[in-house]
Amino acid sequence: MDILDKLQPTKNLKRLEVHGYRGTRFPKWVGDSSYQNLTGLYLFGCPNCCILPQLGRLHSLKDLAIRRMSMLETIGYEYGDSSSRTLFPSLEYLEFNDMPCWKMWHHSRVSEDSFPVLKSLVILDCPKLEGDLPSHLPVLETIKIERCNQLGSSLPKASSIRKLCITESNKVVVHELPLSLEELRIHGREVTNSAFEAIDITLLTSLQTFDINDSSSVISFMGDCLPTSLKFMSKEKPPTQVTSHF
């Protein structure tokens, strides 16, 4: 029995942070369904773990952040709650960060009823991640994807998205952007071109921040003027050109 087994807390636990755990698997109590008061779970710097706990059993979980798990290759099979159609019914914030070996996020056990209140999805520094992201996140407001060079997924569909940031993740496909978008930051040639093939910028009537670079195409704002809602605009690295047609 390792030290994390011995430290099993009471069932009233509301927040759990695990830093620097050296075991290959988490003890069974991490992810046990009896922890119904647990709203925040943070697993940081667990370099030897190759599988996550059964997180799908934590129905009250609101915040989940997983960082620096260098041996983890797949996520999804350990959701672990076949009795519930809706996984993560309370989860609002989900982050994966600095996971160099993560290759696949499996969704075969995830119904469209899952992640019903997820507002923020953050994926940073996962250079081997491929495949698809969850496609149905109905109340998602923020997507942040940075330095995920192999991720070729389309963005989740959500009419509520307000903030979108894609940096150095050129295989991500942008088919459409919601009219509710307030902040758009896209850094990388291919993904920038993909975004502007899919939208007419004048439809983004809520846009306040617009930040682009590394585009080889001419980005044209069609219509009489830039969106009146726009408060900040940044463009870097020629030959990108920004024009306004009157």
C-alpha atoms as a PDB file:
ATOM      1  CA  MET A   1       0.000   0.000   0.000  1.00  0.00           C
ATOM      2  CA  ASP A   2       1.464   3.372  -1.009  1.00  0.00           C
ATOM      3  CA  ILE A   3       1.136   6.679   0.786  1.00  0.00           C
ATOM      4  CA  LEU A   4      -1.818   7.904  -1.311  1.00  0.00           C
ATOM      5  CA  ASP A   5      -3.811   4.819  -0.276  1.00  0.00           C
ATOM      6  CA  LYS A   6      -3.118   5.582   3.365  1.00  0.00           C
ATOM      7  CA  LEU A   7      -4.209   9.200   2.980  1.00  0.00           C
ATOM      8  CA  GLN A   8      -7.772   8.352   1.962  1.00  0.00           C
ATOM      9  CA  PRO A   9      -9.860  11.353   3.111  1.00  0.00           C
ATOM     10  CA  THR A  10     -13.375  11.505   4.490  1.00  0.00           C
ATOM     11  CA  LYS A  11     -16.399  11.393   2.198  1.00  0.00           C
ATOM     12  CA  ASN A  12     -17.031  15.102   2.779  1.00  0.00           C
ATOM     13  CA  LEU A  13     -14.018  16.052   0.648  1.00  0.00           C
ATOM     14  CA  LYS A  14     -14.804  18.955  -1.698  1.00  0.00           C
ATOM     15  CA  ARG A  15     -11.448  19.579  -3.402  1.00  0.00           C
ATOM     16  CA  LEU A  16      -8.530  17.250  -4.112  1.00  0.00           C
ATOM     17  CA  GLU A  17      -5.099  18.160  -5.483  1.00  0.00           C
ATOM     18  CA  VAL A  18      -2.512  15.467  -6.176  1.00  0.00           C
ATOM     19  CA  HIS A  19       1.013  16.688  -6.989  1.00  0.00           C
ATOM     20  CA  GLY A  20       3.987  14.503  -7.875  1.00  0.00           C
ATOM     21  CA  TYR A  21       2.406  11.090  -7.276  1.00  0.00           C
ATOM     22  CA  ARG A  22       4.904   8.427  -8.434  1.00  0.00           C
ATOM     23  CA  GLY A  23       2.661   5.384  -8.603  1.00  0.00           C
ATOM     24  CA  THR A  24       1.571   3.758 -11.870  1.00  0.00           C
ATOM     25  CA  ARG A  25      -2.129   3.753 -10.930  1.00  0.00           C
ATOM     26  CA  PHE A  26      -4.207   5.873  -8.622  1.00  0.00           C
ATOM     27  CA  PRO A  27      -5.768   4.128  -5.604  1.00  0.00           C
ATOM     28  CA  LYS A  28      -9.395   3.086  -5.980  1.00  0.00           C
ATOM     29  CA  TRP A  29     -10.722   5.785  -3.681  1.00  0.00           C
ATOM     30  CA  VAL A  30      -9.700   8.457  -6.217  1.00  0.00           C
ATOM     31  CA  GLY A  31     -12.783   8.398  -8.401  1.00  0.00           C
ATOM     32  CA  ASP A  32     -14.971   6.451  -5.996  1.00  0.00           C
ATOM     33  CA  SER A  33     -18.652   7.317  -6.392  1.00  0.00           C
ATOM     34  CA  SER A  34     -19.044   7.824  -2.640  1.00  0.00           C
ATOM     35  CA  TYR A  35     -17.244  11.189  -2.941  1.00  0.00           C
ATOM     36  CA  GLN A  36     -20.386  13.013  -3.981  1.00  0.00           C
ATOM     37  CA  ASN A  37     -19.280  16.336  -2.482  1.00  0.00           C
ATOM     38  CA  LEU A  38     -16.105  16.513  -4.565  1.00  0.00           C
ATOM     39  CA  THR A  39     -16.335  19.490  -6.929  1.00  0.00           C
ATOM     40  CA  GLY A  40     -12.671  20.089  -7.817  1.00  0.00           C
ATOM     41  CA  LEU A  41     -10.044  17.514  -8.860  1.00  0.00           C
ATOM     42  CA  TYR A  42      -6.516  18.454  -9.930  1.00  0.00           C
ATOM     43  CA  LEU A  43      -3.953  15.802 -10.909  1.00  0.00           C
ATOM     44  CA  PHE A  44      -0.555  17.416 -11.516  1.00  0.00           C
ATOM     45  CA  GLY A  45       2.845  15.914 -12.248  1.00  0.00           C
ATOM     46  CA  CYS A  46       2.118  12.190 -11.952  1.00  0.00           C
ATOM     47  CA  PRO A  47       4.783  10.948 -14.386  1.00  0.00           C
ATOM     48  CA  ASN A  48       4.309   7.185 -14.015  1.00  0.00           C
ATOM     49  CA  CYS A  49       0.511   6.950 -14.214  1.00  0.00           C
ATOM     50  CA  CYS A  50      -0.711   5.367 -17.435  1.00  0.00           C
ATOM     51  CA  ILE A  51      -4.441   5.383 -16.661  1.00  0.00           C
ATOM     52  CA  LEU A  52      -6.795   7.852 -15.020  1.00  0.00           C
ATOM     53  CA  PRO A  53      -9.122   7.064 -12.121  1.00  0.00           C
ATOM     54  CA  GLN A  54     -12.797   6.338 -12.832  1.00  0.00           C
ATOM     55  CA  LEU A  55     -13.680   9.985 -13.012  1.00  0.00           C
ATOM     56  CA  GLY A  56     -17.104   9.462 -14.574  1.00  0.00           C
ATOM     57  CA  ARG A  57     -18.423   8.384 -11.190  1.00  0.00           C
ATOM     58  CA  LEU A  58     -17.837  11.818  -9.668  1.00  0.00           C
ATOM     59  CA  HIS A  59     -21.208  13.345 -10.497  1.00  0.00           C
ATOM     60  CA  SER A  60     -20.654  16.574  -8.547  1.00  0.00           C
ATOM     61  CA  LEU A  61     -17.320  17.400 -10.163  1.00  0.00           C
ATOM     62  CA  LYS A  62     -17.216  20.961 -11.550  1.00  0.00           C
ATOM     63  CA  ASP A  63     -13.501  21.505 -12.217  1.00  0.00           C
ATOM     64  CA  LEU A  64     -11.100  18.891 -13.597  1.00  0.00           C
ATOM     65  CA  ALA A  65      -7.492  19.679 -14.520  1.00  0.00           C
ATOM     66  CA  ILE A  66      -4.871  17.121 -15.557  1.00  0.00           C
ATOM     67  CA  ARG A  67      -1.296  18.302 -16.105  1.00  0.00           C
ATOM     68  CA  ARG A  68       2.138  16.794 -16.711  1.00  0.00           C
ATOM     69  CA  MET A  69       1.125  13.142 -16.928  1.00  0.00           C
ATOM     70  CA  SER A  70       3.893  12.046 -19.254  1.00  0.00           C
ATOM     71  CA  MET A  71       2.987   8.324 -19.530  1.00  0.00           C
ATOM     72  CA  LEU A  72      -0.724   8.699 -20.269  1.00  0.00           C
ATOM     73  CA  GLU A  73      -1.558   7.732 -23.879  1.00  0.00           C
ATOM     74  CA  THR A  74      -5.350   7.337 -23.957  1.00  0.00           C
ATOM     75  CA  ILE A  75      -8.312   8.887 -22.171  1.00  0.00           C
ATOM     76  CA  GLY A  76     -11.906   7.721 -22.192  1.00  0.00           C
ATOM     77  CA  TYR A  77     -12.020   4.047 -21.300  1.00  0.00           C
ATOM     78  CA  GLU A  78     -11.723   4.852 -17.612  1.00  0.00           C
ATOM     79  CA  TYR A  79     -14.883   6.985 -17.446  1.00  0.00           C
ATOM     80  CA  GLY A  80     -16.221   4.088 -15.456  1.00  0.00           C
ATOM     81  CA  ASP A  81     -19.919   4.768 -15.002  1.00  0.00           C
ATOM     82  CA  SER A  82     -21.927   2.466 -17.238  1.00  0.00           C
ATOM     83  CA  SER A  83     -24.999   3.005 -15.031  1.00  0.00           C
ATOM     84  CA  SER A  84     -25.344   6.639 -16.088  1.00  0.00           C
ATOM     85  CA  ARG A  85     -26.197   7.883 -19.558  1.00  0.00           C
ATOM     86  CA  THR A  86     -24.951  11.365 -18.688  1.00  0.00           C
ATOM     87  CA  LEU A  87     -21.259  11.571 -17.853  1.00  0.00           C
ATOM     88  CA  PHE A  88     -19.884  14.557 -15.947  1.00  0.00           C
ATOM     89  CA  PRO A  89     -23.318  16.153 -15.406  1.00  0.00           C
ATOM     90  CA  SER A  90     -21.859  19.008 -13.306  1.00  0.00           C
ATOM     91  CA  LEU A  91     -18.480  19.579 -14.998  1.00  0.00           C
ATOM     92  CA  GLU A  92     -17.916  23.204 -16.039  1.00  0.00           C
ATOM     93  CA  TYR A  93     -14.131  23.395 -16.558  1.00  0.00           C
ATOM     94  CA  LEU A  94     -11.921  20.739 -18.203  1.00  0.00           C
ATOM     95  CA  GLU A  95      -8.179  21.137 -18.782  1.00  0.00           C
ATOM     96  CA  PHE A  96      -5.450  18.893 -20.186  1.00  0.00           C
ATOM     97  CA  ASN A  97      -1.962  20.396 -20.084  1.00  0.00           C
ATOM     98  CA  ASP A  98       1.578  19.231 -20.897  1.00  0.00           C
ATOM     99  CA  MET A  99       0.857  15.602 -21.774  1.00  0.00           C
ATOM    100  CA  PRO A 100       3.549  14.627 -24.298  1.00  0.00           C
ATOM    101  CA  CYS A 101       2.406  11.025 -24.894  1.00  0.00           C
ATOM    102  CA  TRP A 102      -1.377  11.512 -24.997  1.00  0.00           C
ATOM    103  CA  LYS A 103      -2.549  10.221 -28.376  1.00  0.00           C
ATOM    104  CA  MET A 104      -6.277   9.519 -28.263  1.00  0.00           C
ATOM    105  CA  TRP A 105      -9.426  10.759 -26.546  1.00  0.00           C
ATOM    106  CA  HIS A 106     -12.029   8.000 -26.919  1.00  0.00           C
ATOM    107  CA  HIS A 107     -15.698   8.966 -27.075  1.00  0.00           C
ATOM    108  CA  SER A 108     -17.364   5.621 -27.800  1.00  0.00           C
ATOM    109  CA  ARG A 109     -18.940   5.613 -24.327  1.00  0.00           C
ATOM    110  CA  VAL A 110     -19.906   9.269 -24.366  1.00  0.00           C
ATOM    111  CA  SER A 111     -23.483  10.111 -25.329  1.00  0.00           C
ATOM    112  CA  GLU A 112     -24.690  13.503 -26.486  1.00  0.00           C
ATOM    113  CA  ASP A 113     -26.159  13.959 -23.017  1.00  0.00           C
ATOM    114  CA  SER A 114     -22.678  14.042 -21.473  1.00  0.00           C
ATOM    115  CA  PHE A 115     -20.853  17.247 -20.519  1.00  0.00           C
ATOM    116  CA  PRO A 116     -24.194  19.123 -20.461  1.00  0.00           C
ATOM    117  CA  VAL A 117     -22.865  22.176 -18.563  1.00  0.00           C
ATOM    118  CA  LEU A 118     -19.217  22.280 -19.694  1.00  0.00           C
ATOM    119  CA  LYS A 119     -18.248  25.928 -20.244  1.00  0.00           C
ATOM    120  CA  SER A 120     -14.462  25.817 -20.727  1.00  0.00           C
ATOM    121  CA  LEU A 121     -12.308  23.302 -22.617  1.00  0.00           C
ATOM    122  CA  VAL A 122      -8.534  23.872 -22.455  1.00  0.00           C
ATOM    123  CA  ILE A 123      -5.978  21.630 -24.205  1.00  0.00           C
ATOM    124  CA  LEU A 124      -2.351  22.782 -24.074  1.00  0.00           C
ATOM    125  CA  ASP A 125       0.954  21.199 -25.105  1.00  0.00           C
ATOM    126  CA  CYS A 126      -0.353  17.802 -26.197  1.00  0.00           C
ATOM    127  CA  PRO A 127       1.773  17.317 -29.349  1.00  0.00           C
ATOM    128  CA  LYS A 128       0.710  13.728 -30.147  1.00  0.00           C
ATOM    129  CA  LEU A 129      -3.037  14.080 -29.616  1.00  0.00           C
ATOM    130  CA  GLU A 130      -5.040  12.968 -32.662  1.00  0.00           C
ATOM    131  CA  GLY A 131      -8.646  12.118 -33.414  1.00  0.00           C
ATOM    132  CA  ASP A 132     -11.772  14.010 -32.470  1.00  0.00           C
ATOM    133  CA  LEU A 133     -12.874  16.242 -29.665  1.00  0.00           C
ATOM    134  CA  PRO A 134     -16.360  15.787 -28.162  1.00  0.00           C
ATOM    135  CA  SER A 135     -18.717  17.082 -30.832  1.00  0.00           C
ATOM    136  CA  HIS A 136     -21.707  18.102 -28.725  1.00  0.00           C
ATOM    137  CA  LEU A 137     -20.984  20.592 -25.948  1.00  0.00           C
ATOM    138  CA  PRO A 138     -24.180  22.655 -25.874  1.00  0.00           C
ATOM    139  CA  VAL A 139     -23.198  25.438 -23.435  1.00  0.00           C
ATOM    140  CA  LEU A 140     -19.478  25.689 -24.171  1.00  0.00           C
ATOM    141  CA  GLU A 141     -18.202  29.280 -23.896  1.00  0.00           C
ATOM    142  CA  THR A 142     -14.396  28.985 -24.118  1.00  0.00           C
ATOM    143  CA  ILE A 143     -12.118  26.797 -26.247  1.00  0.00           C
ATOM    144  CA  LYS A 144      -8.360  27.098 -25.920  1.00  0.00           C
ATOM    145  CA  ILE A 145      -6.074  24.801 -27.936  1.00  0.00           C
ATOM    146  CA  GLU A 146      -2.347  25.475 -28.004  1.00  0.00           C
ATOM    147  CA  ARG A 147       0.601  23.508 -29.391  1.00  0.00           C
ATOM    148  CA  CYS A 148      -1.351  20.405 -30.358  1.00  0.00           C
ATOM    149  CA  ASN A 149       0.306  19.841 -33.722  1.00  0.00           C
ATOM    150  CA  GLN A 150      -1.366  16.532 -34.628  1.00  0.00           C
ATOM    151  CA  LEU A 151      -4.911  17.366 -33.555  1.00  0.00           C
ATOM    152  CA  GLY A 152      -6.962  17.380 -36.752  1.00  0.00           C
ATOM    153  CA  SER A 153     -10.410  17.572 -35.217  1.00  0.00           C
ATOM    154  CA  SER A 154     -13.207  19.939 -36.052  1.00  0.00           C
ATOM    155  CA  LEU A 155     -14.213  22.229 -33.234  1.00  0.00           C
ATOM    156  CA  PRO A 156     -17.159  21.218 -31.040  1.00  0.00           C
ATOM    157  CA  LYS A 157     -20.477  22.682 -32.116  1.00  0.00           C
ATOM    158  CA  ALA A 158     -21.851  25.201 -29.660  1.00  0.00           C
ATOM    159  CA  SER A 159     -23.743  28.379 -30.432  1.00  0.00           C
ATOM    160  CA  SER A 160     -22.712  29.780 -27.040  1.00  0.00           C
ATOM    161  CA  ILE A 161     -18.944  30.024 -27.682  1.00  0.00           C
ATOM    162  CA  ARG A 162     -17.622  33.452 -26.697  1.00  0.00           C
ATOM    163  CA  LYS A 163     -13.860  32.901 -26.657  1.00  0.00           C
ATOM    164  CA  LEU A 164     -11.800  30.868 -29.150  1.00  0.00           C
ATOM    165  CA  CYS A 165      -8.010  30.595 -29.056  1.00  0.00           C
ATOM    166  CA  ILE A 166      -6.049  28.262 -31.354  1.00  0.00           C
ATOM    167  CA  THR A 167      -2.258  28.558 -31.334  1.00  0.00           C
ATOM    168  CA  GLU A 168       0.275  26.382 -33.187  1.00  0.00           C
ATOM    169  CA  SER A 169      -2.340  23.710 -33.833  1.00  0.00           C
ATOM    170  CA  ASN A 170      -2.589  23.967 -37.594  1.00  0.00           C
ATOM    171  CA  LYS A 171      -4.535  20.758 -38.251  1.00  0.00           C
ATOM    172  CA  VAL A 172      -7.572  21.914 -36.279  1.00  0.00           C
ATOM    173  CA  VAL A 173     -10.434  22.528 -38.709  1.00  0.00           C
ATOM    174  CA  VAL A 174     -12.711  25.549 -38.324  1.00  0.00           C
ATOM    175  CA  HIS A 175     -15.907  25.029 -40.329  1.00  0.00           C
ATOM    176  CA  GLU A 176     -17.978  27.754 -38.739  1.00  0.00           C
ATOM    177  CA  LEU A 177     -17.871  30.248 -35.907  1.00  0.00           C
ATOM    178  CA  PRO A 178     -20.807  31.193 -33.684  1.00  0.00           C
ATOM    179  CA  LEU A 179     -22.307  34.656 -33.897  1.00  0.00           C
ATOM    180  CA  SER A 180     -21.882  34.979 -30.123  1.00  0.00           C
ATOM    181  CA  LEU A 181     -18.073  35.046 -30.452  1.00  0.00           C
ATOM    182  CA  GLU A 182     -16.470  37.920 -28.512  1.00  0.00           C
ATOM    183  CA  GLU A 183     -12.769  36.976 -28.612  1.00  0.00           C
ATOM    184  CA  LEU A 184     -10.984  35.286 -31.525  1.00  0.00           C
ATOM    185  CA  ARG A 185      -7.264  34.494 -31.398  1.00  0.00           C
ATOM    186  CA  ILE A 186      -5.809  32.287 -34.139  1.00  0.00           C
ATOM    187  CA  HIS A 187      -2.063  31.864 -34.599  1.00  0.00           C
ATOM    188  CA  GLY A 188      -0.918  29.561 -37.398  1.00  0.00           C
ATOM    189  CA  ARG A 189      -1.204  29.738 -41.168  1.00  0.00           C
ATOM    190  CA  GLU A 190      -3.393  26.750 -41.997  1.00  0.00           C
ATOM    191  CA  VAL A 191      -5.908  27.175 -39.203  1.00  0.00           C
ATOM    192  CA  THR A 192      -6.209  30.903 -39.936  1.00  0.00           C
ATOM    193  CA  ASN A 193      -6.977  30.212 -43.573  1.00  0.00           C
ATOM    194  CA  SER A 194      -9.486  27.536 -42.543  1.00  0.00           C
ATOM    195  CA  ALA A 195     -11.306  29.976 -40.292  1.00  0.00           C
ATOM    196  CA  PHE A 196     -11.612  32.703 -42.905  1.00  0.00           C
ATOM    197  CA  GLU A 197     -12.830  30.343 -45.573  1.00  0.00           C
ATOM    198  CA  ALA A 198     -15.710  29.474 -43.276  1.00  0.00           C
ATOM    199  CA  ILE A 199     -16.971  32.823 -42.011  1.00  0.00           C
ATOM    200  CA  ASP A 200     -18.063  36.241 -43.096  1.00  0.00           C
ATOM    201  CA  ILE A 201     -16.535  38.500 -40.488  1.00  0.00           C
ATOM    202  CA  THR A 202     -19.378  41.014 -40.572  1.00  0.00           C
ATOM    203  CA  LEU A 203     -21.684  38.401 -39.070  1.00  0.00           C
ATOM    204  CA  LEU A 204     -19.633  38.406 -35.868  1.00  0.00           C
ATOM    205  CA  THR A 205     -21.518  41.342 -34.420  1.00  0.00           C
ATOM    206  CA  SER A 206     -20.374  40.578 -30.856  1.00  0.00           C
ATOM    207  CA  LEU A 207     -16.656  40.379 -31.678  1.00  0.00           C
ATOM    208  CA  GLN A 208     -14.525  42.575 -29.387  1.00  0.00           C
ATOM    209  CA  THR A 209     -11.014  41.080 -29.680  1.00  0.00           C
ATOM    210  CA  PHE A 210      -9.514  39.836 -32.951  1.00  0.00           C
ATOM    211  CA  ASP A 211      -5.915  38.542 -33.006  1.00  0.00           C
ATOM    212  CA  ILE A 212      -4.358  36.711 -35.969  1.00  0.00           C
ATOM    213  CA  ASN A 213      -0.952  35.922 -37.440  1.00  0.00           C
ATOM    214  CA  ASP A 214       0.847  33.602 -39.836  1.00  0.00           C
ATOM    215  CA  SER A 215      -1.766  33.755 -42.571  1.00  0.00           C
ATOM    216  CA  SER A 216      -0.733  33.638 -46.214  1.00  0.00           C
ATOM    217  CA  SER A 217      -4.116  34.718 -47.465  1.00  0.00           C
ATOM    218  CA  VAL A 218      -5.706  38.139 -47.718  1.00  0.00           C
ATOM    219  CA  ILE A 219      -8.232  38.475 -44.914  1.00  0.00           C
ATOM    220  CA  SER A 220     -11.043  40.637 -46.124  1.00  0.00           C
ATOM    221  CA  PHE A 221     -13.732  42.255 -44.035  1.00  0.00           C
ATOM    222  CA  MET A 222     -16.752  42.354 -46.329  1.00  0.00           C
ATOM    223  CA  GLY A 223     -19.250  45.101 -45.811  1.00  0.00           C
ATOM    224  CA  ASP A 224     -19.156  48.779 -45.039  1.00  0.00           C
ATOM    225  CA  CYS A 225     -16.957  48.613 -41.958  1.00  0.00           C
ATOM    226  CA  LEU A 226     -15.408  46.481 -39.287  1.00  0.00           C
ATOM    227  CA  PRO A 227     -17.782  45.181 -36.622  1.00  0.00           C
ATOM    228  CA  THR A 228     -18.790  48.103 -34.428  1.00  0.00           C
ATOM    229  CA  SER A 229     -18.308  45.896 -31.383  1.00  0.00           C
ATOM    230  CA  LEU A 230     -14.557  45.487 -32.111  1.00  0.00           C
ATOM    231  CA  LYS A 231     -12.345  46.990 -29.371  1.00  0.00           C
ATOM    232  CA  PHE A 232      -8.960  45.365 -30.057  1.00  0.00           C
ATOM    233  CA  MET A 233      -7.344  44.040 -33.228  1.00  0.00           C
ATOM    234  CA  SER A 234      -3.846  42.619 -33.720  1.00  0.00           C
ATOM    235  CA  LYS A 235      -2.241  41.339 -36.916  1.00  0.00           C
ATOM    236  CA  GLU A 236       1.312  40.041 -37.168  1.00  0.00           C
ATOM    237  CA  LYS A 237       3.782  38.561 -39.622  1.00  0.00           C
ATOM    238  CA  PRO A 238       3.376  39.688 -43.246  1.00  0.00           C
ATOM    239  CA  PRO A 239       2.350  38.799 -45.920  1.00  0.00           C
ATOM    240  CA  THR A 240      -0.985  38.836 -44.086  1.00  0.00           C
ATOM    241  CA  GLN A 241      -3.092  41.741 -45.331  1.00  0.00           C
ATOM    242  CA  VAL A 242      -6.206  43.119 -43.742  1.00  0.00           C
ATOM    243  CA  THR A 243      -8.519  45.128 -45.968  1.00  0.00           C
ATOM    244  CA  SER A 244     -11.919  46.689 -45.633  1.00  0.00           C
ATOM    245  CA  HIS A 245     -14.223  46.855 -48.649  1.00  0.00           C
ATOM    246  CA  PHE A 246     -16.583  49.811 -48.934  1.00  0.00           C
END
